[in-house]
């Protein structure tokens, strides 16, 4: 929800105050995403490998997707303009958020793996 609000808000931000407030949302969004990703990795992978999985998997996927998405988004900027492009992107993010609220299970199981020391 924070990401959708930030993206759509960026479309209508005018002036330094509103831009600064929208940018502050990015700080909350980044920290929530980082904690969620690390919690998922530590719950599903060996704790000794969690940093490696994060650095290689998560960061690589984020950077790799930016390469391909930037081309399509650049075409959107040219054809639709900045404001319309960001409203469309924010709406897509909002749709995926709403779909995840409906389809994901509320039950949360967290079974931490015990690290073995030698």
PDB file of N, CA and C in Angstrom:
ATOM      1  N   UNK A   1       0.817  -1.192   0.000  1.00  0.00           N
ATOM      2  CA  UNK A   1       0.000   0.000   0.000  1.00  0.00           C
ATOM      3  C   UNK A   1       0.868   1.266   0.000  1.00  0.00           C
ATOM      4  N   UNK A   2       1.985   1.198   0.742  1.00  0.00           N
ATOM      5  CA  UNK A   2       2.880   2.361   0.789  1.00  0.00           C
ATOM      6  C   UNK A   2       3.446   2.633  -0.597  1.00  0.00           C
ATOM      7  N   UNK A   3       3.838   1.560  -1.292  1.00  0.00           N
ATOM      8  CA  UNK A   3       4.407   1.732  -2.631  1.00  0.00           C
ATOM      9  C   UNK A   3       3.386   2.334  -3.584  1.00  0.00           C
ATOM     10  N   UNK A   4       2.172   1.857  -3.550  1.00  0.00           N
ATOM     11  CA  UNK A   4       1.129   2.395  -4.427  1.00  0.00           C
ATOM     12  C   UNK A   4       0.870   3.863  -4.132  1.00  0.00           C
ATOM     13  N   UNK A   5       0.789   4.200  -2.849  1.00  0.00           N
ATOM     14  CA  UNK A   5       0.572   5.589  -2.462  1.00  0.00           C
ATOM     15  C   UNK A   5       1.738   6.472  -2.915  1.00  0.00           C
ATOM     16  N   UNK A   6       2.956   5.966  -2.777  1.00  0.00           N
ATOM     17  CA  UNK A   6       4.126   6.745  -3.172  1.00  0.00           C
ATOM     18  C   UNK A   6       4.181   6.955  -4.678  1.00  0.00           C
ATOM     19  N   UNK A   7       3.899   5.923  -5.450  1.00  0.00           N
ATOM     20  CA  UNK A   7       3.959   6.041  -6.905  1.00  0.00           C
ATOM     21  C   UNK A   7       2.873   6.976  -7.419  1.00  0.00           C
ATOM     22  N   UNK A   8       1.653   6.784  -6.955  1.00  0.00           N
ATOM     23  CA  UNK A   8       0.560   7.659  -7.403  1.00  0.00           C
ATOM     24  C   UNK A   8       0.770   9.077  -6.895  1.00  0.00           C
ATOM     25  N   UNK A   9       1.265   9.217  -5.665  1.00  0.00           N
ATOM     26  CA  UNK A   9       1.555  10.542  -5.131  1.00  0.00           C
ATOM     27  C   UNK A   9       2.641  11.255  -5.910  1.00  0.00           C
ATOM     28  N   UNK A  10       3.607  10.503  -6.437  1.00  0.00           N
ATOM     29  CA  UNK A  10       4.668  11.109  -7.244  1.00  0.00           C
ATOM     30  C   UNK A  10       4.119  11.731  -8.516  1.00  0.00           C
ATOM     31  N   UNK A  11       3.033  11.190  -9.012  1.00  0.00           N
ATOM     32  CA  UNK A  11       2.440  11.731 -10.238  1.00  0.00           C
ATOM     33  C   UNK A  11       1.890  13.131 -10.014  1.00  0.00           C
ATOM     34  N   UNK A  12       1.409  13.396  -8.802  1.00  0.00           N
ATOM     35  CA  UNK A  12       0.755  14.671  -8.544  1.00  0.00           C
ATOM     36  C   UNK A  12       1.552  15.595  -7.621  1.00  0.00           C
ATOM     37  N   UNK A  13       2.767  15.200  -7.276  1.00  0.00           N
ATOM     38  CA  UNK A  13       3.584  16.029  -6.380  1.00  0.00           C
ATOM     39  C   UNK A  13       4.022  17.304  -7.092  1.00  0.00           C
ATOM     40  N   UNK A  14       3.804  18.424  -6.438  1.00  0.00           N
ATOM     41  CA  UNK A  14       4.181  19.720  -6.994  1.00  0.00           C
ATOM     42  C   UNK A  14       4.929  20.476  -5.899  1.00  0.00           C
ATOM     43  N   UNK A  15       6.114  20.908  -6.193  1.00  0.00           N
ATOM     44  CA  UNK A  15       6.881  21.706  -5.243  1.00  0.00           C
ATOM     45  C   UNK A  15       7.726  20.861  -4.315  1.00  0.00           C
ATOM     46  N   UNK A  16       8.653  21.509  -3.626  1.00  0.00           N
ATOM     47  CA  UNK A  16       9.612  20.776  -2.801  1.00  0.00           C
ATOM     48  C   UNK A  16       9.003  20.109  -1.562  1.00  0.00           C
ATOM     49  N   UNK A  17       7.964  20.681  -0.995  1.00  0.00           N
ATOM     50  CA  UNK A  17       7.371  20.099   0.216  1.00  0.00           C
ATOM     51  C   UNK A  17       6.679  18.776  -0.109  1.00  0.00           C
ATOM     52  N   UNK A  18       5.827  18.761  -1.109  1.00  0.00           N
ATOM     53  CA  UNK A  18       5.117  17.521  -1.444  1.00  0.00           C
ATOM     54  C   UNK A  18       6.084  16.464  -1.971  1.00  0.00           C
ATOM     55  N   UNK A  19       7.086  16.865  -2.724  1.00  0.00           N
ATOM     56  CA  UNK A  19       8.087  15.905  -3.208  1.00  0.00           C
ATOM     57  C   UNK A  19       8.863  15.313  -2.037  1.00  0.00           C
ATOM     58  N   UNK A  20       9.203  16.139  -1.043  1.00  0.00           N
ATOM     59  CA  UNK A  20       9.921  15.650   0.138  1.00  0.00           C
ATOM     60  C   UNK A  20       9.073  14.680   0.943  1.00  0.00           C
ATOM     61  N   UNK A  21       7.787  14.967   1.084  1.00  0.00           N
ATOM     62  CA  UNK A  21       6.895  14.061   1.817  1.00  0.00           C
ATOM     63  C   UNK A  21       6.744  12.720   1.103  1.00  0.00           C
ATOM     64  N   UNK A  22       6.660  12.766  -0.218  1.00  0.00           N
ATOM     65  CA  UNK A  22       6.573  11.525  -0.991  1.00  0.00           C
ATOM     66  C   UNK A  22       7.873  10.734  -0.857  1.00  0.00           C
ATOM     67  N   UNK A  23       8.987  11.434  -0.871  1.00  0.00           N
ATOM     68  CA  UNK A  23      10.288  10.766  -0.734  1.00  0.00           C
ATOM     69  C   UNK A  23      10.433  10.126   0.634  1.00  0.00           C
ATOM     70  N   UNK A  24       9.844  10.735   1.678  1.00  0.00           N
ATOM     71  CA  UNK A  24       9.874  10.124   3.009  1.00  0.00           C
ATOM     72  C   UNK A  24       9.154   8.776   3.027  1.00  0.00           C
ATOM     73  N   UNK A  25       8.097   8.651   2.228  1.00  0.00           N
ATOM     74  CA  UNK A  25       7.395   7.363   2.137  1.00  0.00           C
ATOM     75  C   UNK A  25       8.317   6.265   1.618  1.00  0.00           C
ATOM     76  N   UNK A  26       9.256   6.641   0.763  1.00  0.00           N
ATOM     77  CA  UNK A  26      10.194   5.648   0.222  1.00  0.00           C
ATOM     78  C   UNK A  26      11.051   5.038   1.331  1.00  0.00           C
ATOM     79  N   UNK A  27      11.388   5.819   2.344  1.00  0.00           N
ATOM     80  CA  UNK A  27      12.149   5.289   3.474  1.00  0.00           C
ATOM     81  C   UNK A  27      11.375   4.208   4.221  1.00  0.00           C
ATOM     82  N   UNK A  28      10.096   4.446   4.469  1.00  0.00           N
ATOM     83  CA  UNK A  28       9.261   3.429   5.116  1.00  0.00           C
ATOM     84  C   UNK A  28       9.100   2.202   4.218  1.00  0.00           C
ATOM     85  N   UNK A  29       8.875   2.443   2.946  1.00  0.00           N
ATOM     86  CA  UNK A  29       8.686   1.348   1.993  1.00  0.00           C
ATOM     87  C   UNK A  29       9.934   0.470   1.914  1.00  0.00           C
ATOM     88  N   UNK A  30      11.088   1.088   1.822  1.00  0.00           N
ATOM     89  CA  UNK A  30      12.337   0.335   1.706  1.00  0.00           C
ATOM     90  C   UNK A  30      12.602  -0.512   2.947  1.00  0.00           C
ATOM     91  N   UNK A  31      12.359   0.067   4.126  1.00  0.00           N
ATOM     92  CA  UNK A  31      12.619  -0.694   5.350  1.00  0.00           C
ATOM     93  C   UNK A  31      11.644  -1.861   5.512  1.00  0.00           C
ATOM     94  N   UNK A  32      10.385  -1.665   5.171  1.00  0.00           N
ATOM     95  CA  UNK A  32       9.412  -2.754   5.250  1.00  0.00           C
ATOM     96  C   UNK A  32       9.768  -3.860   4.259  1.00  0.00           C
ATOM     97  N   UNK A  33      10.153  -3.479   3.046  1.00  0.00           N
ATOM     98  CA  UNK A  33      10.542  -4.466   2.042  1.00  0.00           C
ATOM     99  C   UNK A  33      11.784  -5.238   2.471  1.00  0.00           C
ATOM    100  N   UNK A  34      12.761  -4.553   3.030  1.00  0.00           N
ATOM    101  CA  UNK A  34      13.989  -5.198   3.463  1.00  0.00           C
ATOM    102  C   UNK A  34      13.730  -6.181   4.599  1.00  0.00           C
ATOM    103  N   UNK A  35      12.946  -5.775   5.593  1.00  0.00           N
ATOM    104  CA  UNK A  35      12.632  -6.662   6.712  1.00  0.00           C
ATOM    105  C   UNK A  35      11.840  -7.876   6.228  1.00  0.00           C
ATOM    106  N   UNK A  36      10.872  -7.655   5.353  1.00  0.00           N
ATOM    107  CA  UNK A  36      10.071  -8.774   4.836  1.00  0.00           C
ATOM    108  C   UNK A  36      10.931  -9.748   4.035  1.00  0.00           C
ATOM    109  N   UNK A  37      11.819  -9.229   3.198  1.00  0.00           N
ATOM    110  CA  UNK A  37      12.680 -10.102   2.398  1.00  0.00           C
ATOM    111  C   UNK A  37      13.627 -10.895   3.281  1.00  0.00           C
ATOM    112  N   UNK A  38      14.242 -10.254   4.254  1.00  0.00           N
ATOM    113  CA  UNK A  38      15.173 -10.962   5.135  1.00  0.00           C
ATOM    114  C   UNK A  38      14.449 -11.968   6.027  1.00  0.00           C
ATOM    115  N   UNK A  39      13.239 -11.653   6.455  1.00  0.00           N
ATOM    116  CA  UNK A  39      12.462 -12.598   7.263  1.00  0.00           C
ATOM    117  C   UNK A  39      12.090 -13.832   6.431  1.00  0.00           C
ATOM    118  N   UNK A  40      11.701 -13.606   5.186  1.00  0.00           N
ATOM    119  CA  UNK A  40      11.385 -14.723   4.295  1.00  0.00           C
ATOM    120  C   UNK A  40      12.621 -15.586   4.043  1.00  0.00           C
ATOM    121  N   UNK A  41      13.740 -14.946   3.780  1.00  0.00           N
ATOM    122  CA  UNK A  41      14.971 -15.694   3.506  1.00  0.00           C
ATOM    123  C   UNK A  41      15.406 -16.491   4.726  1.00  0.00           C
ATOM    124  N   UNK A  42      15.359 -15.888   5.904  1.00  0.00           N
ATOM    125  CA  UNK A  42      15.791 -16.608   7.102  1.00  0.00           C
ATOM    126  C   UNK A  42      14.832 -17.739   7.466  1.00  0.00           C
ATOM    127  N   UNK A  43      13.572 -17.616   7.092  1.00  0.00           N
ATOM    128  CA  UNK A  43      12.603 -18.671   7.384  1.00  0.00           C
ATOM    129  C   UNK A  43      12.714 -19.840   6.408  1.00  0.00           C
ATOM    130  N   UNK A  44      13.218 -19.598   5.199  1.00  0.00           N
ATOM    131  CA  UNK A  44      13.212 -20.640   4.176  1.00  0.00           C
ATOM    132  C   UNK A  44      14.586 -21.146   3.757  1.00  0.00           C
ATOM    133  N   UNK A  45      15.638 -20.523   4.241  1.00  0.00           N
ATOM    134  CA  UNK A  45      16.980 -20.945   3.880  1.00  0.00           C
ATOM    135  C   UNK A  45      17.821 -21.105   5.135  1.00  0.00           C
ATOM    136  N   UNK A  46      18.925 -21.791   4.986  1.00  0.00           N
ATOM    137  CA  UNK A  46      19.878 -21.970   6.074  1.00  0.00           C
ATOM    138  C   UNK A  46      20.358 -20.593   6.529  1.00  0.00           C
ATOM    139  N   UNK A  47      20.323 -20.316   7.842  1.00  0.00           N
ATOM    140  CA  UNK A  47      20.745 -18.993   8.319  1.00  0.00           C
ATOM    141  C   UNK A  47      22.179 -18.628   7.949  1.00  0.00           C
ATOM    142  N   UNK A  48      23.022 -19.634   7.787  1.00  0.00           N
ATOM    143  CA  UNK A  48      24.401 -19.349   7.405  1.00  0.00           C
ATOM    144  C   UNK A  48      24.488 -18.826   5.975  1.00  0.00           C
ATOM    145  N   UNK A  49      23.463 -19.091   5.181  1.00  0.00           N
ATOM    146  CA  UNK A  49      23.457 -18.648   3.791  1.00  0.00           C
ATOM    147  C   UNK A  49      22.557 -17.440   3.559  1.00  0.00           C
ATOM    148  N   UNK A  50      21.883 -16.938   4.598  1.00  0.00           N
ATOM    149  CA  UNK A  50      20.873 -15.898   4.378  1.00  0.00           C
ATOM    150  C   UNK A  50      21.459 -14.633   3.769  1.00  0.00           C
ATOM    151  N   UNK A  51      22.639 -14.225   4.178  1.00  0.00           N
ATOM    152  CA  UNK A  51      23.239 -13.021   3.598  1.00  0.00           C
ATOM    153  C   UNK A  51      23.595 -13.250   2.136  1.00  0.00           C
ATOM    154  N   UNK A  52      24.088 -14.438   1.828  1.00  0.00           N
ATOM    155  CA  UNK A  52      24.444 -14.759   0.445  1.00  0.00           C
ATOM    156  C   UNK A  52      23.200 -14.802  -0.429  1.00  0.00           C
ATOM    157  N   UNK A  53      22.150 -15.438   0.074  1.00  0.00           N
ATOM    158  CA  UNK A  53      20.899 -15.519  -0.686  1.00  0.00           C
ATOM    159  C   UNK A  53      20.351 -14.115  -0.920  1.00  0.00           C
ATOM    160  N   UNK A  54      20.421 -13.262   0.101  1.00  0.00           N
ATOM    161  CA  UNK A  54      19.932 -11.892  -0.055  1.00  0.00           C
ATOM    162  C   UNK A  54      20.744 -11.139  -1.094  1.00  0.00           C
ATOM    163  N   UNK A  55      22.062 -11.169  -0.967  1.00  0.00           N
ATOM    164  CA  UNK A  55      22.907 -10.393  -1.868  1.00  0.00           C
ATOM    165  C   UNK A  55      22.807 -10.867  -3.308  1.00  0.00           C
ATOM    166  N   UNK A  56      22.847 -12.159  -3.506  1.00  0.00           N
ATOM    167  CA  UNK A  56      22.833 -12.680  -4.869  1.00  0.00           C
ATOM    168  C   UNK A  56      21.418 -12.714  -5.429  1.00  0.00           C
ATOM    169  N   UNK A  57      20.502 -13.314  -4.698  1.00  0.00           N
ATOM    170  CA  UNK A  57      19.146 -13.495  -5.213  1.00  0.00           C
ATOM    171  C   UNK A  57      18.326 -12.227  -5.254  1.00  0.00           C
ATOM    172  N   UNK A  58      18.139 -11.617  -4.116  1.00  0.00           N
ATOM    173  CA  UNK A  58      17.246 -10.467  -4.017  1.00  0.00           C
ATOM    174  C   UNK A  58      17.798  -9.263  -4.773  1.00  0.00           C
ATOM    175  N   UNK A  59      19.043  -8.918  -4.533  1.00  0.00           N
ATOM    176  CA  UNK A  59      19.624  -7.747  -5.185  1.00  0.00           C
ATOM    177  C   UNK A  59      19.778  -7.955  -6.686  1.00  0.00           C
ATOM    178  N   UNK A  60      20.161  -9.167  -7.098  1.00  0.00           N
ATOM    179  CA  UNK A  60      20.297  -9.451  -8.533  1.00  0.00           C
ATOM    180  C   UNK A  60      18.947  -9.344  -9.223  1.00  0.00           C
ATOM    181  N   UNK A  61      17.918  -9.932  -8.616  1.00  0.00           N
ATOM    182  CA  UNK A  61      16.589  -9.882  -9.229  1.00  0.00           C
ATOM    183  C   UNK A  61      16.083  -8.448  -9.325  1.00  0.00           C
ATOM    184  N   UNK A  62      16.355  -7.637  -8.302  1.00  0.00           N
ATOM    185  CA  UNK A  62      15.923  -6.243  -8.309  1.00  0.00           C
ATOM    186  C   UNK A  62      16.645  -5.458  -9.412  1.00  0.00           C
ATOM    187  N   UNK A  63      17.942  -5.644  -9.524  1.00  0.00           N
ATOM    188  CA  UNK A  63      18.710  -4.923 -10.545  1.00  0.00           C
ATOM    189  C   UNK A  63      18.395  -5.423 -11.952  1.00  0.00           C
ATOM    190  N   UNK A  64      18.247  -6.718 -12.095  1.00  0.00           N
ATOM    191  CA  UNK A  64      17.968  -7.318 -13.398  1.00  0.00           C
ATOM    192  C   UNK A  64      16.602  -6.885 -13.911  1.00  0.00           C
ATOM    193  N   UNK A  65      15.613  -6.822 -13.015  1.00  0.00           N
ATOM    194  CA  UNK A  65      14.274  -6.386 -13.451  1.00  0.00           C
ATOM    195  C   UNK A  65      14.270  -4.908 -13.830  1.00  0.00           C
ATOM    196  N   UNK A  66      15.108  -4.114 -13.181  1.00  0.00           N
ATOM    197  CA  UNK A  66      15.193  -2.685 -13.535  1.00  0.00           C
ATOM    198  C   UNK A  66      15.672  -2.493 -14.960  1.00  0.00           C
ATOM    199  N   UNK A  67      16.553  -3.360 -15.415  1.00  0.00           N
ATOM    200  CA  UNK A  67      17.073  -3.256 -16.779  1.00  0.00           C
ATOM    201  C   UNK A  67      15.939  -3.383 -17.791  1.00  0.00           C
ATOM    202  N   UNK A  68      15.088  -4.370 -17.601  1.00  0.00           N
ATOM    203  CA  UNK A  68      14.031  -4.624 -18.573  1.00  0.00           C
ATOM    204  C   UNK A  68      12.816  -3.721 -18.395  1.00  0.00           C
ATOM    205  N   UNK A  69      12.494  -3.389 -17.156  1.00  0.00           N
ATOM    206  CA  UNK A  69      11.344  -2.518 -16.933  1.00  0.00           C
ATOM    207  C   UNK A  69      11.603  -1.088 -17.369  1.00  0.00           C
ATOM    208  N   UNK A  70      12.852  -0.634 -17.302  1.00  0.00           N
ATOM    209  CA  UNK A  70      13.149   0.754 -17.648  1.00  0.00           C
ATOM    210  C   UNK A  70      12.834   1.061 -19.107  1.00  0.00           C
ATOM    211  N   UNK A  71      12.997   0.094 -19.993  1.00  0.00           N
ATOM    212  CA  UNK A  71      12.689   0.311 -21.401  1.00  0.00           C
ATOM    213  C   UNK A  71      11.196   0.552 -21.595  1.00  0.00           C
ATOM    214  N   UNK A  72      10.378  -0.307 -21.021  1.00  0.00           N
ATOM    215  CA  UNK A  72       8.927  -0.152 -21.155  1.00  0.00           C
ATOM    216  C   UNK A  72       8.416   1.107 -20.498  1.00  0.00           C
ATOM    217  N   UNK A  73       8.961   1.431 -19.344  1.00  0.00           N
ATOM    218  CA  UNK A  73       8.522   2.636 -18.641  1.00  0.00           C
ATOM    219  C   UNK A  73       8.978   3.881 -19.387  1.00  0.00           C
ATOM    220  N   UNK A  74      10.148   3.831 -20.011  1.00  0.00           N
ATOM    221  CA  UNK A  74      10.609   4.947 -20.838  1.00  0.00           C
ATOM    222  C   UNK A  74       9.681   5.197 -22.017  1.00  0.00           C
ATOM    223  N   UNK A  75       9.195   4.118 -22.618  1.00  0.00           N
ATOM    224  CA  UNK A  75       8.225   4.271 -23.709  1.00  0.00           C
ATOM    225  C   UNK A  75       6.909   4.859 -23.196  1.00  0.00           C
ATOM    226  N   UNK A  76       6.518   4.475 -21.974  1.00  0.00           N
ATOM    227  CA  UNK A  76       5.309   5.050 -21.383  1.00  0.00           C
ATOM    228  C   UNK A  76       5.477   6.551 -21.177  1.00  0.00           C
ATOM    229  N   UNK A  77       6.635   6.981 -20.680  1.00  0.00           N
ATOM    230  CA  UNK A  77       6.903   8.415 -20.489  1.00  0.00           C
ATOM    231  C   UNK A  77       6.731   9.177 -21.797  1.00  0.00           C
ATOM    232  N   UNK A  78       7.302   8.615 -22.871  1.00  0.00           N
ATOM    233  CA  UNK A  78       7.246   9.306 -24.161  1.00  0.00           C
ATOM    234  C   UNK A  78       5.837   9.371 -24.719  1.00  0.00           C
ATOM    235  N   UNK A  79       5.091   8.299 -24.579  1.00  0.00           N
ATOM    236  CA  UNK A  79       3.761   8.263 -25.194  1.00  0.00           C
ATOM    237  C   UNK A  79       2.672   8.880 -24.303  1.00  0.00           C
ATOM    238  N   UNK A  80       2.757   8.700 -22.976  1.00  0.00           N
ATOM    239  CA  UNK A  80       1.682   9.138 -22.083  1.00  0.00           C
ATOM    240  C   UNK A  80       2.045  10.351 -21.235  1.00  0.00           C
ATOM    241  N   UNK A  81       3.306  10.585 -21.021  1.00  0.00           N
ATOM    242  CA  UNK A  81       3.725  11.657 -20.121  1.00  0.00           C
ATOM    243  C   UNK A  81       3.997  11.119 -18.727  1.00  0.00           C
ATOM    244  N   UNK A  82       4.679  11.941 -17.926  1.00  0.00           N
ATOM    245  CA  UNK A  82       5.103  11.526 -16.587  1.00  0.00           C
ATOM    246  C   UNK A  82       3.924  11.210 -15.681  1.00  0.00           C
ATOM    247  N   UNK A  83       2.979  12.132 -15.574  1.00  0.00           N
ATOM    248  CA  UNK A  83       1.862  11.974 -14.639  1.00  0.00           C
ATOM    249  C   UNK A  83       1.026  10.743 -14.950  1.00  0.00           C
ATOM    250  N   UNK A  84       0.636  10.577 -16.192  1.00  0.00           N
ATOM    251  CA  UNK A  84      -0.195   9.423 -16.571  1.00  0.00           C
ATOM    252  C   UNK A  84       0.559   8.117 -16.377  1.00  0.00           C
ATOM    253  N   UNK A  85       1.851   8.107 -16.690  1.00  0.00           N
ATOM    254  CA  UNK A  85       2.655   6.899 -16.522  1.00  0.00           C
ATOM    255  C   UNK A  85       2.704   6.475 -15.057  1.00  0.00           C
ATOM    256  N   UNK A  86       2.904   7.449 -14.168  1.00  0.00           N
ATOM    257  CA  UNK A  86       2.984   7.112 -12.753  1.00  0.00           C
ATOM    258  C   UNK A  86       1.637   6.706 -12.177  1.00  0.00           C
ATOM    259  N   UNK A  87       0.549   7.259 -12.680  1.00  0.00           N
ATOM    260  CA  UNK A  87      -0.782   6.824 -12.236  1.00  0.00           C
ATOM    261  C   UNK A  87      -1.023   5.379 -12.680  1.00  0.00           C
ATOM    262  N   UNK A  88      -0.639   5.041 -13.901  1.00  0.00           N
ATOM    263  CA  UNK A  88      -0.795   3.665 -14.393  1.00  0.00           C
ATOM    264  C   UNK A  88       0.064   2.709 -13.570  1.00  0.00           C
ATOM    265  N   UNK A  89       1.332   3.060 -13.348  1.00  0.00           N
ATOM    266  CA  UNK A  89       2.223   2.192 -12.571  1.00  0.00           C
ATOM    267  C   UNK A  89       1.723   2.022 -11.135  1.00  0.00           C
ATOM    268  N   UNK A  90       1.273   3.099 -10.514  1.00  0.00           N
ATOM    269  CA  UNK A  90       0.724   3.007  -9.164  1.00  0.00           C
ATOM    270  C   UNK A  90      -0.546   2.185  -9.107  1.00  0.00           C
ATOM    271  N   UNK A  91      -1.363   2.285 -10.138  1.00  0.00           N
ATOM    272  CA  UNK A  91      -2.595   1.478 -10.198  1.00  0.00           C
ATOM    273  C   UNK A  91      -2.275   0.003 -10.354  1.00  0.00           C
ATOM    274  N   UNK A  92      -1.256  -0.310 -11.134  1.00  0.00           N
ATOM    275  CA  UNK A  92      -0.830  -1.709 -11.277  1.00  0.00           C
ATOM    276  C   UNK A  92      -0.338  -2.243  -9.939  1.00  0.00           C
ATOM    277  N   UNK A  93       0.476  -1.465  -9.235  1.00  0.00           N
ATOM    278  CA  UNK A  93       0.960  -1.882  -7.916  1.00  0.00           C
ATOM    279  C   UNK A  93      -0.200  -2.064  -6.939  1.00  0.00           C
ATOM    280  N   UNK A  94      -1.180  -1.155  -6.994  1.00  0.00           N
ATOM    281  CA  UNK A  94      -2.349  -1.255  -6.121  1.00  0.00           C
ATOM    282  C   UNK A  94      -3.174  -2.506  -6.442  1.00  0.00           C
ATOM    283  N   UNK A  95      -3.328  -2.822  -7.726  1.00  0.00           N
ATOM    284  CA  UNK A  95      -4.068  -4.031  -8.125  1.00  0.00           C
ATOM    285  C   UNK A  95      -3.391  -5.286  -7.584  1.00  0.00           C
ATOM    286  N   UNK A  96      -2.072  -5.361  -7.708  1.00  0.00           N
ATOM    287  CA  UNK A  96      -1.356  -6.528  -7.186  1.00  0.00           C
ATOM    288  C   UNK A  96      -1.457  -6.601  -5.664  1.00  0.00           C
ATOM    289  N   UNK A  97      -1.465  -5.459  -4.997  1.00  0.00           N
ATOM    290  CA  UNK A  97      -1.626  -5.445  -3.546  1.00  0.00           C
ATOM    291  C   UNK A  97      -2.998  -5.964  -3.152  1.00  0.00           C
ATOM    292  N   UNK A  98      -4.027  -5.510  -3.833  1.00  0.00           N
ATOM    293  CA  UNK A  98      -5.383  -5.979  -3.522  1.00  0.00           C
ATOM    294  C   UNK A  98      -5.548  -7.464  -3.827  1.00  0.00           C
ATOM    295  N   UNK A  99      -4.964  -7.919  -4.916  1.00  0.00           N
ATOM    296  CA  UNK A  99      -5.017  -9.353  -5.237  1.00  0.00           C
ATOM    297  C   UNK A  99      -4.321 -10.169  -4.157  1.00  0.00           C
ATOM    298  N   UNK A 100      -3.191  -9.666  -3.653  1.00  0.00           N
ATOM    299  CA  UNK A 100      -2.475 -10.410  -2.611  1.00  0.00           C
ATOM    300  C   UNK A 100      -3.269 -10.438  -1.304  1.00  0.00           C
ATOM    301  N   UNK A 101      -4.006  -9.367  -0.988  1.00  0.00           N
ATOM    302  CA  UNK A 101      -4.846  -9.384   0.209  1.00  0.00           C
ATOM    303  C   UNK A 101      -5.908 -10.473   0.110  1.00  0.00           C
ATOM    304  N   UNK A 102      -6.425 -10.693  -1.080  1.00  0.00           N
ATOM    305  CA  UNK A 102      -7.491 -11.673  -1.277  1.00  0.00           C
ATOM    306  C   UNK A 102      -6.945 -13.091  -1.330  1.00  0.00           C
ATOM    307  N   UNK A 103      -5.814 -13.278  -2.014  1.00  0.00           N
ATOM    308  CA  UNK A 103      -5.353 -14.634  -2.296  1.00  0.00           C
ATOM    309  C   UNK A 103      -4.385 -15.211  -1.276  1.00  0.00           C
ATOM    310  N   UNK A 104      -3.650 -14.390  -0.550  1.00  0.00           N
ATOM    311  CA  UNK A 104      -2.662 -14.929   0.385  1.00  0.00           C
ATOM    312  C   UNK A 104      -3.334 -15.381   1.670  1.00  0.00           C
ATOM    313  N   UNK A 105      -2.781 -16.415   2.266  1.00  0.00           N
ATOM    314  CA  UNK A 105      -3.310 -16.992   3.488  1.00  0.00           C
ATOM    315  C   UNK A 105      -2.901 -16.147   4.690  1.00  0.00           C
ATOM    316  N   UNK A 106      -3.807 -16.004   5.651  1.00  0.00           N
ATOM    317  CA  UNK A 106      -3.511 -15.225   6.851  1.00  0.00           C
ATOM    318  C   UNK A 106      -2.622 -15.971   7.832  1.00  0.00           C
ATOM    319  N   UNK A 107      -2.624 -17.292   7.782  1.00  0.00           N
ATOM    320  CA  UNK A 107      -1.817 -18.071   8.721  1.00  0.00           C
ATOM    321  C   UNK A 107      -0.337 -17.863   8.414  1.00  0.00           C
ATOM    322  N   UNK A 108       0.398 -17.543   9.465  1.00  0.00           N
ATOM    323  CA  UNK A 108       1.833 -17.306   9.293  1.00  0.00           C
ATOM    324  C   UNK A 108       2.581 -18.315  10.143  1.00  0.00           C
ATOM    325  N   UNK A 109       3.394 -19.108   9.496  1.00  0.00           N
ATOM    326  CA  UNK A 109       4.206 -20.085  10.188  1.00  0.00           C
ATOM    327  C   UNK A 109       5.655 -19.670  10.058  1.00  0.00           C
ATOM    328  N   UNK A 110       6.311 -19.511  11.160  1.00  0.00           N
ATOM    329  CA  UNK A 110       7.715 -19.137  11.144  1.00  0.00           C
ATOM    330  C   UNK A 110       8.471 -20.192  11.925  1.00  0.00           C
ATOM    331  N   UNK A 111       9.269 -20.974  11.236  1.00  0.00           N
ATOM    332  CA  UNK A 111      10.077 -21.983  11.885  1.00  0.00           C
ATOM    333  C   UNK A 111      11.537 -21.679  11.628  1.00  0.00           C
ATOM    334  N   UNK A 112      12.165 -20.997  12.579  1.00  0.00           N
ATOM    335  CA  UNK A 112      13.577 -20.653  12.377  1.00  0.00           C
ATOM    336  C   UNK A 112      14.441 -21.897  12.400  1.00  0.00           C
ATOM    337  N   UNK A 113      15.411 -21.932  11.528  1.00  0.00           N
ATOM    338  CA  UNK A 113      16.370 -23.021  11.469  1.00  0.00           C
ATOM    339  C   UNK A 113      17.430 -22.770  12.514  1.00  0.00           C
ATOM    340  N   UNK A 114      17.854 -23.826  13.184  1.00  0.00           N
ATOM    341  CA  UNK A 114      18.925 -23.646  14.157  1.00  0.00           C
ATOM    342  C   UNK A 114      20.276 -23.732  13.441  1.00  0.00           C
ATOM    343  N   UNK A 115      21.138 -22.793  13.736  1.00  0.00           N
ATOM    344  CA  UNK A 115      22.468 -22.766  13.139  1.00  0.00           C
ATOM    345  C   UNK A 115      23.373 -23.732  13.888  1.00  0.00           C
ATOM    346  N   UNK A 116      24.052 -24.541  13.151  1.00  0.00           N
ATOM    347  CA  UNK A 116      24.988 -25.483  13.769  1.00  0.00           C
ATOM    348  C   UNK A 116      26.374 -24.873  13.781  1.00  0.00           C
ATOM    349  N   UNK A 117      27.022 -24.959  14.926  1.00  0.00           N
ATOM    350  CA  UNK A 117      28.378 -24.439  15.037  1.00  0.00           C
ATOM    351  C   UNK A 117      29.345 -25.597  15.175  1.00  0.00           C
ATOM    352  N   UNK A 118      30.466 -25.429  14.595  1.00  0.00           N
ATOM    353  CA  UNK A 118      31.485 -26.479  14.644  1.00  0.00           C
ATOM    354  C   UNK A 118      32.660 -26.020  15.453  1.00  0.00           C
TER     355      UNK A 118
END
